[in-house]
Amino acid sequence: MTPKTQVTQPSAPTAEVLSQRGLDLLAAGSAAQAAQAFRAAIAADPAYYEAHHGLIRALRDAGRLEQSIAVALALVALTPHDALAHTALSICLQQAGHVPQAEAAAARARVLEWKIQLQSPPQESSLP
């Protein structure tokens, strides 16, 4: 009898690896390809929020502002207490010319940041 060798299938890239690929493509100026990489990362792990942020940026860089707004709105729905998600939405809205909505999203981000600051322990004053 000959021993059976087990063939292992290569594992699929992780969301982190796919997101890094997206960042590399963004840095190279390939926003449309970067968007594909970020979408693959989200498919691999929908809770990997960095990929959502990357997709928002890639779509904005590709000039697909309404799509970037839709992705940013979805991220805000997934992470309603994340100030960065609201900031990303604000930037998309502003670039698309939706100024009042952009200002509202920016205000929401500021309020969330203030809440975080208020929950943090007070820092020592550097004054004597």
Protein backbone atom coordinates (compact mmCIF):
# COMPACT_ATOMS: atom_id res chain seq x y z
CA MET A 1 0.00 0.00 0.00
CA THR A 2 1.19 3.46 -0.77
CA PRO A 3 0.59 6.18 1.78
CA LYS A 4 -2.00 8.75 0.80
CA THR A 5 -0.79 12.28 0.72
CA GLN A 6 -3.24 14.85 1.84
CA VAL A 7 -3.60 17.77 -0.51
CA THR A 8 -4.37 20.97 1.29
CA GLN A 9 -6.18 23.73 -0.46
CA PRO A 10 -4.63 27.15 -0.11
CA SER A 11 -6.65 29.20 2.32
CA ALA A 12 -8.54 32.20 1.06
CA PRO A 13 -6.94 35.57 1.81
CA THR A 14 -8.16 37.15 5.02
CA ALA A 15 -10.03 40.43 5.17
CA GLU A 16 -6.87 42.03 6.54
CA VAL A 17 -4.77 40.79 3.60
CA LEU A 18 -7.40 41.89 1.09
CA SER A 19 -7.67 45.31 2.73
CA GLN A 20 -3.91 45.73 2.60
CA ARG A 21 -4.07 44.91 -1.10
CA GLY A 22 -6.76 47.59 -1.45
CA LEU A 23 -4.57 50.13 0.35
CA ASP A 24 -1.64 49.29 -1.91
CA LEU A 25 -3.85 49.75 -4.98
CA LEU A 26 -5.13 53.08 -3.64
CA ALA A 27 -1.57 54.25 -3.09
CA ALA A 28 -0.78 53.24 -6.68
CA GLY A 29 -3.71 55.33 -7.95
CA SER A 30 -5.90 52.36 -8.91
CA ALA A 31 -9.08 53.32 -7.07
CA ALA A 32 -11.43 51.05 -9.04
CA GLN A 33 -9.25 48.00 -8.42
CA ALA A 34 -8.86 49.01 -4.79
CA ALA A 35 -12.65 49.10 -4.45
CA GLN A 36 -12.79 45.49 -5.70
CA ALA A 37 -10.20 44.43 -3.11
CA PHE A 38 -12.09 46.17 -0.31
CA ARG A 39 -15.37 44.55 -1.42
CA ALA A 40 -13.63 41.16 -1.30
CA ALA A 41 -12.36 41.97 2.20
CA ILE A 42 -15.88 42.84 3.33
CA ALA A 43 -17.19 39.60 1.82
CA ALA A 44 -14.50 37.71 3.74
CA ASP A 45 -15.37 39.43 7.02
CA PRO A 46 -18.26 41.92 7.14
CA ALA A 47 -17.16 43.01 10.64
CA TYR A 48 -13.73 44.14 9.43
CA TYR A 49 -14.66 47.81 9.47
CA GLU A 50 -11.33 49.01 8.13
CA ALA A 51 -12.35 47.46 4.79
CA HIS A 52 -15.55 49.50 4.80
CA HIS A 53 -13.55 52.67 5.36
CA GLY A 54 -11.19 51.68 2.56
CA LEU A 55 -14.09 51.04 0.20
CA ILE A 56 -15.56 54.45 1.00
CA ARG A 57 -12.23 56.10 0.18
CA ALA A 58 -11.70 54.06 -3.00
CA LEU A 59 -15.16 54.93 -4.30
CA ARG A 60 -14.60 58.62 -3.53
CA ASP A 61 -11.24 58.55 -5.29
CA ALA A 62 -12.88 56.85 -8.28
CA GLY A 63 -15.43 59.67 -8.45
CA ARG A 64 -18.31 57.38 -7.50
CA LEU A 65 -19.58 59.72 -4.81
CA GLU A 66 -23.15 58.45 -4.52
CA GLN A 67 -21.86 54.90 -4.10
CA SER A 68 -19.41 56.08 -1.44
CA ILE A 69 -22.30 57.76 0.38
CA ALA A 70 -24.30 54.52 0.28
CA VAL A 71 -21.37 52.55 1.73
CA ALA A 72 -20.78 55.22 4.39
CA LEU A 73 -24.47 55.14 5.36
CA ALA A 74 -24.27 51.36 5.67
CA LEU A 75 -21.18 51.68 7.88
CA VAL A 76 -22.92 54.24 10.10
CA ALA A 77 -25.81 51.78 10.45
CA LEU A 78 -23.35 49.01 11.43
CA THR A 79 -21.35 51.22 13.82
CA PRO A 80 -23.65 54.05 14.96
CA HIS A 81 -21.34 55.10 17.80
CA ASP A 82 -18.20 55.32 15.64
CA ALA A 83 -17.27 58.96 15.11
CA LEU A 84 -14.97 58.04 12.24
CA ALA A 85 -17.86 56.46 10.32
CA HIS A 86 -19.86 59.68 10.69
CA THR A 87 -16.83 61.69 9.61
CA ALA A 88 -16.40 59.52 6.52
CA LEU A 89 -20.07 60.04 5.69
CA SER A 90 -19.66 63.78 6.15
CA ILE A 91 -16.71 63.92 3.76
CA CYS A 92 -18.60 61.93 1.11
CA LEU A 93 -21.67 64.12 1.43
CA GLN A 94 -19.62 67.32 1.25
CA GLN A 95 -17.76 66.19 -1.86
CA ALA A 96 -21.07 65.28 -3.50
CA GLY A 97 -22.42 68.76 -2.76
CA HIS A 98 -24.86 67.73 -0.02
CA VAL A 99 -23.62 70.40 2.37
CA PRO A 100 -26.46 70.50 4.96
CA GLN A 101 -26.36 66.70 5.33
CA ALA A 102 -22.56 66.80 5.51
CA GLU A 103 -22.69 69.36 8.30
CA ALA A 104 -25.21 67.21 10.21
CA ALA A 105 -22.98 64.13 9.91
CA ALA A 106 -19.95 66.15 11.04
CA ALA A 107 -21.90 67.45 14.03
CA ARG A 108 -22.87 63.89 14.97
CA ALA A 109 -19.20 62.87 14.78
CA ARG A 110 -18.23 65.75 17.09
CA VAL A 111 -20.91 64.80 19.63
CA LEU A 112 -19.69 61.20 19.64
CA GLU A 113 -16.10 62.38 20.18
CA TRP A 114 -17.21 64.60 23.05
CA LYS A 115 -19.01 61.66 24.66
CA ILE A 116 -15.82 59.61 24.45
CA GLN A 117 -13.82 62.45 25.99
CA LEU A 118 -16.33 62.82 28.82
CA GLN A 119 -16.12 59.09 29.58
CA SER A 120 -12.32 59.17 29.76
CA PRO A 121 -10.66 59.78 33.10
CA PRO A 122 -9.44 63.34 33.57
CA GLN A 123 -5.83 63.90 32.57
CA GLU A 124 -3.29 65.40 34.89
CA SER A 125 -2.78 69.08 34.24
CA SER A 126 0.72 70.06 33.19
CA LEU A 127 0.33 73.35 35.03
CA PRO A 128 2.03 73.69 38.47
